[in-house]
C-alpha atoms as a PDB file:
ATOM      1  CA  MET A   1     -14.953  28.240 -29.856  1.00  0.00           C
ATOM      2  CA  MET A   2     -13.185  24.927 -30.506  1.00  0.00           C
ATOM      3  CA  LYS A   3     -10.115  26.145 -28.577  1.00  0.00           C
ATOM      4  CA  ARG A   4     -12.312  26.910 -25.542  1.00  0.00           C
ATOM      5  CA  ILE A   5     -13.861  23.448 -25.632  1.00  0.00           C
ATOM      6  CA  LEU A   6     -10.461  21.784 -25.912  1.00  0.00           C
ATOM      7  CA  PHE A   7      -9.122  23.932 -23.086  1.00  0.00           C
ATOM      8  CA  ALA A   8     -12.117  23.036 -20.892  1.00  0.00           C
ATOM      9  CA  VAL A   9     -11.686  19.321 -21.587  1.00  0.00           C
ATOM     10  CA  LEU A  10      -7.960  19.557 -20.822  1.00  0.00           C
ATOM     11  CA  MET A  11      -8.593  21.369 -17.540  1.00  0.00           C
ATOM     12  CA  MET A  12     -11.254  18.846 -16.518  1.00  0.00           C
ATOM     13  CA  THR A  13      -8.897  15.946 -17.300  1.00  0.00           C
ATOM     14  CA  MET A  14      -6.096  17.526 -15.283  1.00  0.00           C
ATOM     15  CA  SER A  15      -8.468  18.125 -12.382  1.00  0.00           C
ATOM     16  CA  LEU A  16      -9.598  14.488 -12.369  1.00  0.00           C
ATOM     17  CA  ALA A  17      -6.004  13.271 -12.523  1.00  0.00           C
ATOM     18  CA  ALA A  18      -5.128  15.401  -9.510  1.00  0.00           C
ATOM     19  CA  HIS A  19      -7.825  13.659  -7.449  1.00  0.00           C
ATOM     20  CA  ALA A  20      -7.004  10.110  -8.547  1.00  0.00           C
ATOM     21  CA  GLY A  21      -4.281   8.453  -6.520  1.00  0.00           C
ATOM     22  CA  GLU A  22      -1.233   6.924  -8.086  1.00  0.00           C
ATOM     23  CA  LEU A  23       0.756   4.022  -6.718  1.00  0.00           C
ATOM     24  CA  GLN A  24       4.387   4.835  -6.002  1.00  0.00           C
ATOM     25  CA  GLY A  25       7.166   2.331  -5.378  1.00  0.00           C
ATOM     26  CA  LEU A  26       9.538   2.679  -2.434  1.00  0.00           C
ATOM     27  CA  THR A  27      12.979   1.406  -1.543  1.00  0.00           C
ATOM     28  CA  PRO A  28      13.520   0.032   1.965  1.00  0.00           C
ATOM     29  CA  ALA A  29      15.212   3.288   3.037  1.00  0.00           C
ATOM     30  CA  ALA A  30      12.322   5.374   1.707  1.00  0.00           C
ATOM     31  CA  LEU A  31       9.827   3.103   3.478  1.00  0.00           C
ATOM     32  CA  GLN A  32      11.612   3.595   6.793  1.00  0.00           C
ATOM     33  CA  ALA A  33      11.664   7.364   6.306  1.00  0.00           C
ATOM     34  CA  LEU A  34       7.962   7.474   5.453  1.00  0.00           C
ATOM     35  CA  GLN A  35       7.127   5.177   8.370  1.00  0.00           C
ATOM     36  CA  ALA A  36       9.042   7.502  10.709  1.00  0.00           C
ATOM     37  CA  GLN A  37       6.771  10.311   9.494  1.00  0.00           C
ATOM     38  CA  GLY A  38       3.651   8.339  10.456  1.00  0.00           C
ATOM     39  CA  ALA A  39       2.768   6.287   7.383  1.00  0.00           C
ATOM     40  CA  LEU A  40       0.698   3.157   7.939  1.00  0.00           C
ATOM     41  CA  VAL A  41       2.681   0.111   6.773  1.00  0.00           C
ATOM     42  CA  VAL A  42       0.421  -2.837   5.893  1.00  0.00           C
ATOM     43  CA  ASP A  43       1.682  -6.347   5.140  1.00  0.00           C
ATOM     44  CA  VAL A  44      -0.835  -7.997   2.768  1.00  0.00           C
ATOM     45  CA  ARG A  45       0.674 -11.497   2.990  1.00  0.00           C
ATOM     46  CA  THR A  46      -0.877 -14.451   4.809  1.00  0.00           C
ATOM     47  CA  PRO A  47      -0.305 -15.248   8.506  1.00  0.00           C
ATOM     48  CA  GLU A  48       1.665 -18.343   7.462  1.00  0.00           C
ATOM     49  CA  GLU A  49       4.053 -16.112   5.478  1.00  0.00           C
ATOM     50  CA  TRP A  50       4.384 -13.728   8.415  1.00  0.00           C
ATOM     51  CA  ARG A  51       5.321 -16.599  10.748  1.00  0.00           C
ATOM     52  CA  ARG A  52       7.780 -18.083   8.236  1.00  0.00           C
ATOM     53  CA  THR A  53       9.745 -14.944   7.315  1.00  0.00           C
ATOM     54  CA  GLY A  54       8.995 -12.348   9.981  1.00  0.00           C
ATOM     55  CA  LEU A  55       7.606  -8.856   9.544  1.00  0.00           C
ATOM     56  CA  ILE A  56       8.813  -5.303   9.203  1.00  0.00           C
ATOM     57  CA  PRO A  57       8.793  -3.692  12.665  1.00  0.00           C
ATOM     58  CA  GLY A  58       5.812  -1.413  13.231  1.00  0.00           C
ATOM     59  CA  ARG A  59       3.745  -2.779  10.356  1.00  0.00           C
ATOM     60  CA  ARG A  60       0.160  -4.028  10.560  1.00  0.00           C
ATOM     61  CA  GLY A  61      -0.811  -7.387   9.099  1.00  0.00           C
ATOM     62  CA  LEU A  62      -3.895  -7.320   6.901  1.00  0.00           C
ATOM     63  CA  THR A  63      -4.090 -10.240   4.470  1.00  0.00           C
ATOM     64  CA  PHE A  64      -5.615  -9.324   1.116  1.00  0.00           C
ATOM     65  CA  PHE A  65      -5.584 -12.573  -0.897  1.00  0.00           C
ATOM     66  CA  ALA A  66      -6.821 -15.817   0.644  1.00  0.00           C
ATOM     67  CA  ALA A  67      -4.794 -18.997   0.097  1.00  0.00           C
ATOM     68  CA  ASP A  68      -6.980 -19.811  -2.934  1.00  0.00           C
ATOM     69  CA  GLY A  69      -6.340 -16.366  -4.481  1.00  0.00           C
ATOM     70  CA  ARG A  70      -9.770 -14.945  -3.690  1.00  0.00           C
ATOM     71  CA  TYR A  71     -10.317 -11.630  -1.987  1.00  0.00           C
ATOM     72  CA  ASP A  72     -13.111  -9.447  -0.647  1.00  0.00           C
ATOM     73  CA  ARG A  73     -12.165  -5.909  -1.647  1.00  0.00           C
ATOM     74  CA  GLU A  74     -14.892  -4.144   0.347  1.00  0.00           C
ATOM     75  CA  ALA A  75     -14.273  -6.092   3.561  1.00  0.00           C
ATOM     76  CA  TRP A  76     -10.527  -5.485   3.255  1.00  0.00           C
ATOM     77  CA  LEU A  77     -11.038  -1.752   2.682  1.00  0.00           C
ATOM     78  CA  LYS A  78     -13.216  -1.548   5.815  1.00  0.00           C
ATOM     79  CA  ARG A  79     -10.545  -3.272   7.892  1.00  0.00           C
ATOM     80  CA  LEU A  80      -7.878  -0.991   6.428  1.00  0.00           C
ATOM     81  CA  GLN A  81      -9.948   2.102   7.176  1.00  0.00           C
ATOM     82  CA  ALA A  82     -10.154   1.018  10.825  1.00  0.00           C
ATOM     83  CA  LEU A  83      -6.337   0.960  10.992  1.00  0.00           C
ATOM     84  CA  ARG A  84      -5.819   4.457   9.570  1.00  0.00           C
ATOM     85  CA  GLY A  85      -5.287   7.386  11.890  1.00  0.00           C
ATOM     86  CA  SER A  86      -6.692   9.847   9.340  1.00  0.00           C
ATOM     87  CA  ALA A  87      -7.640  10.114   5.697  1.00  0.00           C
ATOM     88  CA  ALA A  88      -4.386  12.003   5.076  1.00  0.00           C
ATOM     89  CA  GLN A  89      -2.190   9.204   6.462  1.00  0.00           C
ATOM     90  CA  PRO A  90      -0.055   7.634   3.721  1.00  0.00           C
ATOM     91  CA  VAL A  91      -0.416   3.862   3.268  1.00  0.00           C
ATOM     92  CA  VAL A  92       2.535   1.619   2.370  1.00  0.00           C
ATOM     93  CA  LEU A  93       1.783  -1.944   1.250  1.00  0.00           C
ATOM     94  CA  VAL A  94       4.227  -4.823   1.626  1.00  0.00           C
ATOM     95  CA  CYS A  95       4.296  -8.425   0.367  1.00  0.00           C
ATOM     96  CA  ARG A  96       7.023 -11.003  -0.295  1.00  0.00           C
ATOM     97  CA  SER A  97       8.324  -9.726  -3.652  1.00  0.00           C
ATOM     98  CA  GLY A  98       6.369  -6.557  -4.447  1.00  0.00           C
ATOM     99  CA  HIS A  99       3.925  -8.100  -6.924  1.00  0.00           C
ATOM    100  CA  ARG A 100       0.869  -8.527  -4.695  1.00  0.00           C
ATOM    101  CA  SER A 101       1.446  -5.209  -2.956  1.00  0.00           C
ATOM    102  CA  ALA A 102       1.606  -3.506  -6.372  1.00  0.00           C
ATOM    103  CA  GLU A 103      -1.633  -5.165  -7.455  1.00  0.00           C
ATOM    104  CA  VAL A 104      -3.439  -4.200  -4.249  1.00  0.00           C
ATOM    105  CA  GLY A 105      -1.847  -0.747  -4.344  1.00  0.00           C
ATOM    106  CA  LYS A 106      -3.157   0.003  -7.828  1.00  0.00           C
ATOM    107  CA  MET A 107      -6.664  -0.833  -6.634  1.00  0.00           C
ATOM    108  CA  LEU A 108      -6.249   1.169  -3.440  1.00  0.00           C
ATOM    109  CA  ALA A 109      -4.902   4.234  -5.239  1.00  0.00           C
ATOM    110  CA  GLN A 110      -8.176   4.425  -7.163  1.00  0.00           C
ATOM    111  CA  ALA A 111     -10.351   4.139  -4.036  1.00  0.00           C
ATOM    112  CA  PRO A 112     -11.805   7.389  -2.668  1.00  0.00           C
ATOM    113  CA  GLY A 113      -9.741   8.880   0.152  1.00  0.00           C
ATOM    114  CA  TYR A 114      -6.441   7.205  -0.684  1.00  0.00           C
ATOM    115  CA  GLY A 115      -4.279   9.837  -2.307  1.00  0.00           C
ATOM    116  CA  GLN A 116      -0.928   8.648  -0.936  1.00  0.00           C
ATOM    117  CA  VAL A 117      -0.432   4.946  -1.671  1.00  0.00           C
ATOM    118  CA  TYR A 118       2.976   3.285  -1.830  1.00  0.00           C
ATOM    119  CA  HIS A 119       4.389  -0.223  -1.987  1.00  0.00           C
ATOM    120  CA  LEU A 120       7.760  -1.734  -1.166  1.00  0.00           C
ATOM    121  CA  GLU A 121       9.132  -2.421  -4.647  1.00  0.00           C
ATOM    122  CA  LYS A 122      11.008  -5.653  -3.967  1.00  0.00           C
ATOM    123  CA  GLY A 123       8.938  -6.630  -0.973  1.00  0.00           C
ATOM    124  CA  LEU A 124      10.290  -8.372   2.069  1.00  0.00           C
ATOM    125  CA  VAL A 125      12.861 -10.109  -0.156  1.00  0.00           C
ATOM    126  CA  GLY A 126      14.447  -6.739  -0.944  1.00  0.00           C
ATOM    127  CA  TRP A 127      14.046  -5.594   2.670  1.00  0.00           C
ATOM    128  CA  THR A 128      15.952  -8.584   4.079  1.00  0.00           C
ATOM    129  CA  ALA A 129      18.565  -8.470   1.281  1.00  0.00           C
ATOM    130  CA  GLU A 130      19.535  -5.067   2.699  1.00  0.00           C
ATOM    131  CA  GLN A 131      19.687  -6.650   6.172  1.00  0.00           C
ATOM    132  CA  ARG A 132      16.858  -4.484   7.470  1.00  0.00           C
ATOM    133  CA  PRO A 133      15.276  -5.586  10.753  1.00  0.00           C
ATOM    134  CA  VAL A 134      12.397  -8.067  10.967  1.00  0.00           C
ATOM    135  CA  GLU A 135      10.264  -9.099  13.912  1.00  0.00           C
ATOM    136  CA  LYS A 136       9.727 -12.817  14.408  1.00  0.00           C
ATOM    137  CA  THR A 137       6.794 -12.355  16.791  1.00  0.00           C
ATOM    138  CA  CYS A 138       3.438 -11.668  15.224  1.00  0.00           C
ATOM    139  CA  ARG A 139       0.456 -10.269  17.117  1.00  0.00           C
ATOM    140  CA  GLU A 140      -1.791 -10.722  14.062  1.00  0.00           C
ATOM    141  CA  CYS A 141      -0.936 -14.433  13.539  1.00  0.00           C
END
């Protein structure tokens, strides 16, 4: 009887883990490959940062943290949802160094409907270190 209970608990835990998203880090090359397959790339930095350093081509700008560090999770999720083509579309988050995108990504991976969440591990710093292209014009600024 105890073995059946333990087995049931194990199966339930595995089932829940399969439905919870998990944040995955990407290299610049992996980001480009995923973007070519239709992933939504979202830059969570501020418009001032976008203007100063440029943006990854094809990304969408959607600031998460305000200048004072505050954020409105629900409002941001609604704006993100409006950008997605479908619930199955992978989302890749980008920031300057990878820290903010990782923080936002961990939250997003736990939100319902976000099974494929990624972030650029070294952010735009790593992207430009590999001499990847950036756009200096910004439609979101």
